[in-house]
């Protein structure tokens, strides 16, 4: 997962360690996204918590990334091995859905500006 978010999505990895109980890069990672932090942590350290996740997860969310140049970002992700499951456009903008290595659904989209 770390490699996917760091190398494929090219999110900037934060330098701050999580603390003594987790190993950065193995059990925990933080990304800095222009003032927003995204953290990934391994549920393998918490089997009880992992067991509570329903499969399929009806309470799951889609992580969306707003992009300025949809075509460039989609093309760059495809070159790095991302397979898009669905893409299209609506009255609000263009979008494309894909999954991370653990099956979580992600989306890129470019919102149309009202002129």
C-alpha atoms as a PDB file:
ATOM      1  CA  UNK A   1       0.000   0.000   0.000  1.00  0.00           C
ATOM      2  CA  UNK A   2       2.815   2.413   0.837  1.00  0.00           C
ATOM      3  CA  UNK A   3       4.399   1.871  -2.575  1.00  0.00           C
ATOM      4  CA  UNK A   4       1.068   2.433  -4.349  1.00  0.00           C
ATOM      5  CA  UNK A   5       0.259   5.722  -2.610  1.00  0.00           C
ATOM      6  CA  UNK A   6       3.869   6.969  -2.673  1.00  0.00           C
ATOM      7  CA  UNK A   7       5.094   5.708  -6.068  1.00  0.00           C
ATOM      8  CA  UNK A   8       1.982   5.257  -8.231  1.00  0.00           C
ATOM      9  CA  UNK A   9      -0.164   8.127  -6.942  1.00  0.00           C
ATOM     10  CA  UNK A  10       3.006  10.085  -6.089  1.00  0.00           C
ATOM     11  CA  UNK A  11       1.623  11.511  -2.865  1.00  0.00           C
ATOM     12  CA  UNK A  12       4.287  13.321  -0.809  1.00  0.00           C
ATOM     13  CA  UNK A  13       5.323  11.218   2.176  1.00  0.00           C
ATOM     14  CA  UNK A  14       5.624  13.119   5.461  1.00  0.00           C
ATOM     15  CA  UNK A  15       8.791  12.818   7.513  1.00  0.00           C
ATOM     16  CA  UNK A  16       7.063  12.746  10.896  1.00  0.00           C
ATOM     17  CA  UNK A  17       7.250   9.324  12.619  1.00  0.00           C
ATOM     18  CA  UNK A  18       4.052   7.972  14.221  1.00  0.00           C
ATOM     19  CA  UNK A  19       5.598   7.166  17.588  1.00  0.00           C
ATOM     20  CA  UNK A  20       7.263   4.224  19.223  1.00  0.00           C
ATOM     21  CA  UNK A  21       4.482   1.699  18.738  1.00  0.00           C
ATOM     22  CA  UNK A  22       4.380   1.638  14.920  1.00  0.00           C
ATOM     23  CA  UNK A  23       7.055   1.289  12.279  1.00  0.00           C
ATOM     24  CA  UNK A  24       7.001   4.041   9.615  1.00  0.00           C
ATOM     25  CA  UNK A  25       6.822   2.602   6.127  1.00  0.00           C
ATOM     26  CA  UNK A  26       5.802  -0.827   7.384  1.00  0.00           C
ATOM     27  CA  UNK A  27       2.798  -0.290   9.637  1.00  0.00           C
ATOM     28  CA  UNK A  28       2.107   3.406   9.214  1.00  0.00           C
ATOM     29  CA  UNK A  29       2.530   6.197   6.661  1.00  0.00           C
ATOM     30  CA  UNK A  30       1.451   9.830   6.527  1.00  0.00           C
ATOM     31  CA  UNK A  31       1.152  11.902   3.384  1.00  0.00           C
ATOM     32  CA  UNK A  32       0.989  15.701   3.271  1.00  0.00           C
ATOM     33  CA  UNK A  33      -1.476  16.990   0.670  1.00  0.00           C
ATOM     34  CA  UNK A  34      -1.388  20.785   0.583  1.00  0.00           C
ATOM     35  CA  UNK A  35      -2.518  21.214   4.168  1.00  0.00           C
ATOM     36  CA  UNK A  36      -4.456  17.944   4.397  1.00  0.00           C
ATOM     37  CA  UNK A  37      -2.928  14.845   5.933  1.00  0.00           C
ATOM     38  CA  UNK A  38      -3.756  11.334   4.787  1.00  0.00           C
ATOM     39  CA  UNK A  39      -2.631   8.461   6.993  1.00  0.00           C
ATOM     40  CA  UNK A  40      -2.521   4.750   6.295  1.00  0.00           C
ATOM     41  CA  UNK A  41      -2.040   2.286   9.100  1.00  0.00           C
ATOM     42  CA  UNK A  42      -1.931  -1.487   9.198  1.00  0.00           C
ATOM     43  CA  UNK A  43      -4.952  -3.184  10.711  1.00  0.00           C
ATOM     44  CA  UNK A  44      -2.766  -6.263  11.192  1.00  0.00           C
ATOM     45  CA  UNK A  45      -1.696  -4.693  14.487  1.00  0.00           C
ATOM     46  CA  UNK A  46      -5.347  -4.604  15.532  1.00  0.00           C
ATOM     47  CA  UNK A  47      -7.055  -7.897  14.572  1.00  0.00           C
ATOM     48  CA  UNK A  48     -10.217  -7.059  16.514  1.00  0.00           C
ATOM     49  CA  UNK A  49     -10.654  -3.845  14.588  1.00  0.00           C
ATOM     50  CA  UNK A  50      -9.986  -5.599  11.260  1.00  0.00           C
ATOM     51  CA  UNK A  51     -12.558  -8.284  12.114  1.00  0.00           C
ATOM     52  CA  UNK A  52     -15.249  -5.599  12.498  1.00  0.00           C
ATOM     53  CA  UNK A  53     -14.955  -4.532   8.853  1.00  0.00           C
ATOM     54  CA  UNK A  54     -17.887  -5.924   6.880  1.00  0.00           C
ATOM     55  CA  UNK A  55     -17.142  -7.588   3.579  1.00  0.00           C
ATOM     56  CA  UNK A  56     -18.395  -6.217   1.314  1.00  0.00           C
ATOM     57  CA  UNK A  57     -18.058  -3.030   3.274  1.00  0.00           C
ATOM     58  CA  UNK A  58     -21.363  -1.202   3.116  1.00  0.00           C
ATOM     59  CA  UNK A  59     -19.893   1.600   5.201  1.00  0.00           C
ATOM     60  CA  UNK A  60     -16.967   2.162   2.848  1.00  0.00           C
ATOM     61  CA  UNK A  61     -16.163   5.538   1.371  1.00  0.00           C
ATOM     62  CA  UNK A  62     -14.539   6.586  -1.901  1.00  0.00           C
ATOM     63  CA  UNK A  63     -11.399   8.677  -1.543  1.00  0.00           C
ATOM     64  CA  UNK A  64     -11.593  11.427  -4.174  1.00  0.00           C
ATOM     65  CA  UNK A  65      -8.732  13.509  -5.504  1.00  0.00           C
ATOM     66  CA  UNK A  66      -9.648  16.788  -7.187  1.00  0.00           C
ATOM     67  CA  UNK A  67      -7.259  17.426 -10.082  1.00  0.00           C
ATOM     68  CA  UNK A  68      -6.605  20.483 -12.225  1.00  0.00           C
ATOM     69  CA  UNK A  69      -5.846  18.611 -15.459  1.00  0.00           C
ATOM     70  CA  UNK A  70      -7.908  15.431 -15.672  1.00  0.00           C
ATOM     71  CA  UNK A  71      -6.390  14.073 -18.889  1.00  0.00           C
ATOM     72  CA  UNK A  72      -2.787  14.544 -17.731  1.00  0.00           C
ATOM     73  CA  UNK A  73      -3.403  12.907 -14.352  1.00  0.00           C
ATOM     74  CA  UNK A  74      -5.357  10.002 -15.859  1.00  0.00           C
ATOM     75  CA  UNK A  75      -2.647   9.419 -18.461  1.00  0.00           C
ATOM     76  CA  UNK A  76       0.158   9.568 -15.844  1.00  0.00           C
ATOM     77  CA  UNK A  77      -1.625   7.105 -13.561  1.00  0.00           C
ATOM     78  CA  UNK A  78      -2.250   4.719 -16.457  1.00  0.00           C
ATOM     79  CA  UNK A  79       1.472   4.786 -17.328  1.00  0.00           C
ATOM     80  CA  UNK A  80       2.216   3.837 -13.710  1.00  0.00           C
ATOM     81  CA  UNK A  81      -0.107   0.815 -13.947  1.00  0.00           C
ATOM     82  CA  UNK A  82      -3.478   2.108 -12.741  1.00  0.00           C
ATOM     83  CA  UNK A  83      -6.457   0.434 -14.397  1.00  0.00           C
ATOM     84  CA  UNK A  84      -9.588   2.569 -14.479  1.00  0.00           C
ATOM     85  CA  UNK A  85     -12.872   0.750 -13.922  1.00  0.00           C
ATOM     86  CA  UNK A  86     -15.238   3.542 -14.799  1.00  0.00           C
ATOM     87  CA  UNK A  87     -14.855   7.013 -16.210  1.00  0.00           C
ATOM     88  CA  UNK A  88     -17.132   9.627 -17.648  1.00  0.00           C
ATOM     89  CA  UNK A  89     -18.460  13.092 -17.358  1.00  0.00           C
ATOM     90  CA  UNK A  90     -21.463  14.691 -15.790  1.00  0.00           C
ATOM     91  CA  UNK A  91     -22.728  18.243 -15.648  1.00  0.00           C
ATOM     92  CA  UNK A  92     -20.359  18.899 -12.696  1.00  0.00           C
ATOM     93  CA  UNK A  93     -17.151  17.534 -14.281  1.00  0.00           C
ATOM     94  CA  UNK A  94     -15.090  14.541 -15.437  1.00  0.00           C
ATOM     95  CA  UNK A  95     -14.255  11.512 -13.287  1.00  0.00           C
ATOM     96  CA  UNK A  96     -12.505   8.154 -13.265  1.00  0.00           C
ATOM     97  CA  UNK A  97     -12.627   5.372 -10.658  1.00  0.00           C
ATOM     98  CA  UNK A  98      -9.849   2.915  -9.824  1.00  0.00           C
ATOM     99  CA  UNK A  99      -8.721   0.758  -6.896  1.00  0.00           C
ATOM    100  CA  UNK A 100      -5.694   0.591  -4.672  1.00  0.00           C
ATOM    101  CA  UNK A 101      -3.953  -2.789  -4.110  1.00  0.00           C
ATOM    102  CA  UNK A 102      -6.347  -3.667  -1.258  1.00  0.00           C
ATOM    103  CA  UNK A 103      -9.471  -2.967  -3.301  1.00  0.00           C
ATOM    104  CA  UNK A 104     -10.370   0.439  -1.878  1.00  0.00           C
ATOM    105  CA  UNK A 105     -12.127   2.582  -4.450  1.00  0.00           C
ATOM    106  CA  UNK A 106     -10.469   5.864  -5.406  1.00  0.00           C
ATOM    107  CA  UNK A 107     -11.527   8.579  -7.800  1.00  0.00           C
ATOM    108  CA  UNK A 108      -9.930  11.454  -9.640  1.00  0.00           C
ATOM    109  CA  UNK A 109     -12.134  14.223 -10.887  1.00  0.00           C
ATOM    110  CA  UNK A 110     -11.944  17.646 -12.403  1.00  0.00           C
ATOM    111  CA  UNK A 111     -14.821  19.932 -11.575  1.00  0.00           C
ATOM    112  CA  UNK A 112     -16.111  22.174 -14.307  1.00  0.00           C
ATOM    113  CA  UNK A 113     -15.882  25.833 -13.434  1.00  0.00           C
ATOM    114  CA  UNK A 114     -19.045  27.865 -13.714  1.00  0.00           C
ATOM    115  CA  UNK A 115     -18.460  30.669 -16.158  1.00  0.00           C
END
